[in-house]
């Protein structure tokens, strides 16, 4: 079971990175700035990937 969960979700850093990207999208949508997602989401994804690449 542990191997299945590791395959589905990765480790805690991966889950945190995905949660941060989703939080950016949710915040933009909630505040009515969804059009800015075109700019913010690629930047958020690159920041998350850069953070994951350090480990």
C-alpha atoms as a PDB file:
ATOM      1  CA  UNK A   1       0.000   0.000   0.000  1.00  0.00           C
ATOM      2  CA  UNK A   2       2.851   2.370   0.780  1.00  0.00           C
ATOM      3  CA  UNK A   3       4.285   1.892  -2.712  1.00  0.00           C
ATOM      4  CA  UNK A   4       0.906   2.705  -4.266  1.00  0.00           C
ATOM      5  CA  UNK A   5       0.586   5.913  -2.268  1.00  0.00           C
ATOM      6  CA  UNK A   6       4.159   6.885  -3.133  1.00  0.00           C
ATOM      7  CA  UNK A   7       3.388   6.348  -6.837  1.00  0.00           C
ATOM      8  CA  UNK A   8       0.159   8.343  -6.713  1.00  0.00           C
ATOM      9  CA  UNK A   9       1.294  11.269  -4.601  1.00  0.00           C
ATOM     10  CA  UNK A  10       5.077  11.250  -4.508  1.00  0.00           C
ATOM     11  CA  UNK A  11       6.678  12.571  -1.368  1.00  0.00           C
ATOM     12  CA  UNK A  12       5.703  15.476   0.871  1.00  0.00           C
ATOM     13  CA  UNK A  13       7.687  17.995  -1.200  1.00  0.00           C
ATOM     14  CA  UNK A  14       5.770  17.081  -4.372  1.00  0.00           C
ATOM     15  CA  UNK A  15       2.440  17.368  -2.599  1.00  0.00           C
ATOM     16  CA  UNK A  16       3.465  20.729  -1.147  1.00  0.00           C
ATOM     17  CA  UNK A  17       4.543  22.037  -4.551  1.00  0.00           C
ATOM     18  CA  UNK A  18       1.269  21.012  -6.182  1.00  0.00           C
ATOM     19  CA  UNK A  19      -0.699  22.465  -3.267  1.00  0.00           C
ATOM     20  CA  UNK A  20       1.113  25.791  -3.653  1.00  0.00           C
ATOM     21  CA  UNK A  21       0.364  25.962  -7.372  1.00  0.00           C
ATOM     22  CA  UNK A  22      -3.287  25.104  -6.761  1.00  0.00           C
ATOM     23  CA  UNK A  23      -3.424  27.724  -3.994  1.00  0.00           C
ATOM     24  CA  UNK A  24      -2.196  30.392  -6.418  1.00  0.00           C
ATOM     25  CA  UNK A  25      -4.895  29.425  -8.906  1.00  0.00           C
ATOM     26  CA  UNK A  26      -7.570  29.393  -6.209  1.00  0.00           C
ATOM     27  CA  UNK A  27      -6.498  32.770  -4.862  1.00  0.00           C
ATOM     28  CA  UNK A  28      -6.564  34.334  -8.324  1.00  0.00           C
ATOM     29  CA  UNK A  29      -9.996  32.899  -9.028  1.00  0.00           C
ATOM     30  CA  UNK A  30     -11.422  33.859  -5.629  1.00  0.00           C
ATOM     31  CA  UNK A  31     -10.251  37.466  -5.912  1.00  0.00           C
ATOM     32  CA  UNK A  32     -11.613  37.858  -9.428  1.00  0.00           C
ATOM     33  CA  UNK A  33      -8.220  38.029 -11.120  1.00  0.00           C
ATOM     34  CA  UNK A  34      -8.465  34.793 -13.081  1.00  0.00           C
ATOM     35  CA  UNK A  35      -7.200  36.538 -16.226  1.00  0.00           C
ATOM     36  CA  UNK A  36      -3.850  37.024 -14.483  1.00  0.00           C
ATOM     37  CA  UNK A  37      -3.476  33.248 -14.295  1.00  0.00           C
ATOM     38  CA  UNK A  38      -1.898  33.429 -17.758  1.00  0.00           C
ATOM     39  CA  UNK A  39       1.051  35.209 -16.145  1.00  0.00           C
ATOM     40  CA  UNK A  40       1.035  33.841 -12.614  1.00  0.00           C
ATOM     41  CA  UNK A  41       0.572  30.116 -13.206  1.00  0.00           C
ATOM     42  CA  UNK A  42       3.666  29.560 -15.357  1.00  0.00           C
ATOM     43  CA  UNK A  43       5.700  31.531 -12.819  1.00  0.00           C
ATOM     44  CA  UNK A  44       4.246  29.497  -9.950  1.00  0.00           C
ATOM     45  CA  UNK A  45       4.961  26.230 -11.768  1.00  0.00           C
ATOM     46  CA  UNK A  46       8.542  27.239 -12.540  1.00  0.00           C
ATOM     47  CA  UNK A  47       9.073  28.261  -8.920  1.00  0.00           C
ATOM     48  CA  UNK A  48       7.709  24.923  -7.714  1.00  0.00           C
ATOM     49  CA  UNK A  49       9.867  22.953 -10.134  1.00  0.00           C
ATOM     50  CA  UNK A  50      12.921  24.989  -9.132  1.00  0.00           C
ATOM     51  CA  UNK A  51      12.189  24.280  -5.476  1.00  0.00           C
ATOM     52  CA  UNK A  52      11.811  20.563  -6.193  1.00  0.00           C
ATOM     53  CA  UNK A  53      15.016  20.467  -8.261  1.00  0.00           C
ATOM     54  CA  UNK A  54      17.106  21.574  -5.301  1.00  0.00           C
ATOM     55  CA  UNK A  55      16.573  18.361  -3.385  1.00  0.00           C
END
